[in-house]
Protein backbone atom coordinates (compact mmCIF):
# COMPACT_ATOMS: atom_id res chain seq x y z
CA MET A 1 9.34 8.84 -40.84
CA ILE A 2 6.26 10.59 -39.64
CA THR A 3 4.15 7.20 -40.50
CA ARG A 4 6.44 5.05 -38.43
CA LEU A 5 6.42 7.44 -35.49
CA VAL A 6 2.81 7.71 -34.97
CA GLY A 7 2.67 3.54 -35.72
CA VAL A 8 4.80 3.49 -32.50
CA LEU A 9 2.89 6.46 -30.67
CA ALA A 10 -0.41 4.63 -31.20
CA MET A 11 1.13 1.33 -30.33
CA LEU A 12 2.54 2.78 -27.12
CA GLY A 13 -1.10 4.11 -26.34
CA VAL A 14 -2.75 1.00 -27.09
CA ALA A 15 -0.16 -0.59 -24.41
CA TRP A 16 -0.67 2.33 -21.76
CA GLY A 17 -4.48 1.87 -22.00
CA GLY A 18 -4.22 -1.79 -21.64
CA GLY A 19 -2.04 -1.33 -19.02
CA LEU A 20 -4.51 1.14 -16.96
CA PHE A 21 -7.75 -1.43 -17.29
CA TRP A 22 -5.58 -4.29 -16.38
CA PHE A 23 -4.50 -1.93 -13.24
CA ALA A 24 -8.10 -1.11 -12.20
CA ALA A 25 -9.36 -4.41 -12.58
CA SER A 26 -6.40 -5.47 -9.98
CA ILE A 27 -7.68 -3.22 -7.52
CA PRO A 28 -9.34 -5.40 -4.99
CA GLU A 29 -13.17 -5.49 -4.48
CA VAL A 30 -13.25 -7.48 -1.12
CA VAL A 31 -10.70 -8.64 2.08
CA SER A 32 -9.40 -11.81 0.16
CA ASP A 33 -7.97 -13.42 3.26
CA PRO A 34 -10.24 -11.98 6.44
CA ALA A 35 -9.40 -14.35 8.82
CA ALA A 36 -5.54 -15.41 8.78
CA ARG A 37 -3.54 -14.54 11.74
CA THR A 38 -0.06 -12.31 10.96
CA ASP A 39 2.80 -11.51 13.27
CA ALA A 40 1.77 -7.92 12.84
CA ILE A 41 -0.61 -5.22 10.76
CA VAL A 42 0.70 -2.41 9.20
CA VAL A 43 -1.53 0.93 8.54
CA LEU A 44 -0.72 3.17 5.96
CA THR A 45 -1.59 6.79 6.74
CA GLY A 46 -2.97 9.06 4.51
CA GLY A 47 -6.92 8.22 3.82
CA SER A 48 -9.80 7.82 6.10
CA GLY A 49 -10.81 4.45 7.58
CA ARG A 50 -7.35 2.75 7.74
CA LEU A 51 -6.24 3.05 11.29
CA GLY A 52 -10.03 2.39 12.56
CA THR A 53 -9.68 -1.12 10.64
CA GLY A 54 -6.18 -1.61 11.82
CA LEU A 55 -7.55 -1.26 15.33
CA GLU A 56 -10.58 -3.67 14.75
CA LEU A 57 -7.81 -6.27 13.19
CA LEU A 58 -5.58 -5.74 16.29
CA SER A 59 -8.68 -6.36 18.76
CA GLY A 60 -9.76 -8.89 17.02
CA ASP A 61 -6.48 -10.70 17.85
CA ARG A 62 -5.59 -10.89 14.01
CA ALA A 63 -1.91 -9.85 15.24
CA GLY A 64 0.00 -9.24 18.11
CA LYS A 65 1.33 -5.60 16.94
CA LEU A 66 -0.02 -3.10 15.11
CA PHE A 67 2.54 -0.35 13.33
CA VAL A 68 1.32 3.03 11.64
CA SER A 69 3.66 4.05 9.10
CA GLY A 70 4.10 7.79 7.92
CA VAL A 71 2.48 9.59 11.28
CA TYR A 72 3.52 13.32 11.58
CA ARG A 73 6.02 14.02 14.17
CA GLY A 74 4.53 15.17 17.69
CA VAL A 75 1.60 12.76 17.31
CA ASP A 76 2.04 9.99 19.91
CA VAL A 77 0.22 6.40 20.25
CA ALA A 78 -2.37 8.03 23.09
CA LYS A 79 -3.20 10.88 20.50
CA LEU A 80 -3.60 8.57 17.51
CA LEU A 81 -5.99 6.31 19.71
CA GLU A 82 -7.89 9.17 20.73
CA LEU A 83 -8.23 10.52 17.24
CA ALA A 84 -9.33 6.83 16.32
CA ARG A 85 -11.97 7.16 19.72
CA ARG A 86 -10.22 4.40 21.28
CA THR A 87 -9.68 4.27 24.90
CA PRO A 88 -5.77 4.74 24.79
CA GLU A 89 -5.11 2.09 27.72
CA GLU A 90 -6.79 -0.57 25.69
CA LEU A 91 -4.31 -0.91 22.94
CA ARG A 92 -1.12 1.18 23.80
CA CYS A 93 0.94 -1.65 24.51
CA CYS A 94 0.32 -3.15 21.15
CA VAL A 95 0.59 -0.01 18.86
CA GLU A 96 3.82 1.48 17.28
CA ILE A 97 4.16 4.34 15.04
CA GLY A 98 6.78 5.12 12.48
CA TYR A 99 7.79 8.67 11.70
CA SER A 100 9.94 8.73 8.98
CA ALA A 101 7.92 7.88 5.65
CA ASP A 102 6.74 10.46 3.57
CA ASN A 103 5.48 7.88 0.72
CA THR A 104 4.85 4.64 -0.22
CA ALA A 105 8.36 3.52 -0.75
CA GLY A 106 8.98 5.26 2.42
CA ASN A 107 6.39 3.07 4.26
CA ALA A 108 7.89 0.10 2.63
CA ALA A 109 11.11 0.71 3.95
CA GLU A 110 10.04 1.81 7.43
CA THR A 111 7.99 -1.15 8.16
CA ALA A 112 10.83 -3.60 6.59
CA ALA A 113 12.99 -1.91 9.20
CA TRP A 114 10.84 -2.28 12.02
CA MET A 115 10.13 -5.75 10.93
CA ARG A 116 13.65 -6.66 10.78
CA LYS A 117 13.78 -5.47 14.38
CA GLN A 118 10.71 -7.09 15.80
CA GLY A 119 11.62 -10.61 14.08
CA TYR A 120 8.62 -10.64 12.45
CA ARG A 121 7.67 -13.01 9.03
CA SER A 122 4.30 -12.22 8.05
CA LEU A 123 2.10 -9.00 7.81
CA ARG A 124 -1.07 -7.70 7.01
CA ILE A 125 -0.85 -4.33 5.07
CA VAL A 126 -3.99 -2.09 5.68
CA THR A 127 -4.41 0.89 3.19
CA ALA A 128 -7.38 1.81 0.62
CA ASN A 129 -7.81 -0.50 -2.26
CA TYR A 130 -6.97 1.61 -5.01
CA HIS A 131 -3.45 2.07 -3.44
CA MET A 132 -3.08 -1.81 -2.68
CA PRO A 133 -1.32 -2.69 -5.86
CA ARG A 134 0.98 -0.29 -5.66
CA SER A 135 1.72 -0.96 -1.96
CA LEU A 136 1.90 -4.73 -2.62
CA LEU A 137 5.03 -3.85 -5.24
CA GLU A 138 6.83 -1.49 -2.57
CA PHE A 139 6.44 -4.03 0.50
CA GLY A 140 7.29 -7.13 -1.77
CA PHE A 141 10.41 -5.24 -3.34
CA VAL A 142 12.17 -4.73 0.43
CA MET A 143 10.55 -8.00 2.10
CA PRO A 144 10.48 -10.70 -0.60
CA ALA A 145 10.61 -13.37 1.93
CA LYS A 146 7.85 -11.93 4.09
CA LYS A 147 4.06 -13.24 3.59
CA LEU A 148 2.12 -10.24 3.00
CA ILE A 149 -1.83 -10.22 3.28
CA ALA A 150 -3.65 -7.45 1.69
CA HIS A 151 -6.58 -6.07 3.65
CA PRO A 152 -7.84 -3.07 1.48
CA VAL A 153 -10.35 -0.46 3.02
CA PHE A 154 -12.97 0.63 0.52
CA PRO A 155 -13.45 4.54 0.13
CA ALA A 156 -16.96 5.81 0.15
CA HIS A 157 -15.95 8.34 -2.88
CA VAL A 158 -14.24 5.68 -4.97
CA LYS A 159 -16.40 4.12 -7.53
CA ARG A 160 -14.84 0.94 -8.85
CA ASP A 161 -17.80 -0.04 -10.96
CA ARG A 162 -17.76 1.63 -14.19
CA TRP A 163 -14.56 3.61 -12.66
CA TRP A 164 -14.34 5.80 -16.00
CA ALA A 165 -17.59 7.22 -15.74
CA TRP A 166 -16.63 8.97 -12.86
CA PRO A 167 -14.01 11.71 -12.99
CA GLY A 168 -12.93 11.88 -9.60
CA THR A 169 -12.07 8.41 -9.52
CA ALA A 170 -10.91 8.20 -13.16
CA TYR A 171 -8.35 10.67 -12.54
CA LEU A 172 -7.21 9.01 -8.97
CA ILE A 173 -6.75 5.63 -10.90
CA VAL A 174 -4.90 6.90 -13.80
CA SER A 175 -2.80 9.04 -11.17
CA GLU A 176 -2.24 5.88 -9.41
CA TYR A 177 -1.42 3.49 -12.40
CA GLY A 178 1.22 6.19 -13.20
CA LYS A 179 3.10 6.24 -9.77
CA TYR A 180 2.65 2.35 -10.00
CA ILE A 181 4.59 2.26 -13.64
CA LEU A 182 7.27 4.36 -12.00
CA ALA A 183 7.72 2.26 -9.24
CA TRP A 184 7.83 -0.95 -11.10
CA LEU A 185 10.51 0.87 -13.41
CA ARG A 186 12.49 1.89 -10.57
CA HIS A 187 12.68 -1.55 -8.84
CA LEU A 188 13.58 -2.96 -12.60
CA ALA A 189 16.35 -0.54 -12.68
CA VAL A 190 17.73 -1.38 -9.36
CA GLY A 191 17.36 -4.85 -10.12
CA ARG A 192 19.28 -4.65 -13.35
CA ARG A 193 22.16 -2.58 -11.37
CA ALA A 194 22.53 -4.85 -8.91
CA ALA A 195 22.72 -7.96 -11.51
CA ASP A 196 25.31 -5.76 -13.08
CA SER A 197 27.50 -5.72 -10.17
CA VAL A 198 27.23 -8.99 -9.73
CA SER A 199 28.27 -10.07 -13.29
């Protein structure tokens, strides 16, 4: 009995470790489609470089609207542009803010509702590279019919090459991998409940 339990735990450990390295390899190293135009851009708040990248894409006519999801209440468009060191008059007309999201699933739900209201069909997602796999999972679940383009930013403190040798990066990737697994299991459970309700 104990031998069998040890064997099962060993298999689970190998599967978890293999999944971790698969996940780390799925973290993007480059922006794969920087030129395509989408209906909108979404910036997921919470990391350096994201808002600036989103505003640059908007200025470069990669989309007609920029949605910033997960902004603290009390921060308006003018203040957001001021913090990003951009002239408010330059882009005020084309930036909208969402206040309800406080995690990645919330970002996806908030953005999906905004996309439906706007009637948009394509979206460029701006977030950190290590956060992109989980973001695509969450956004793809709530917007399966929309075209999603990943536009990662690359924080200087995240060392993708030999990530396991950098304690800070290793902790970040392991943590993000755990969140990815939980999100995948949650979507799997929701899908099964939906299938059971139909059958």
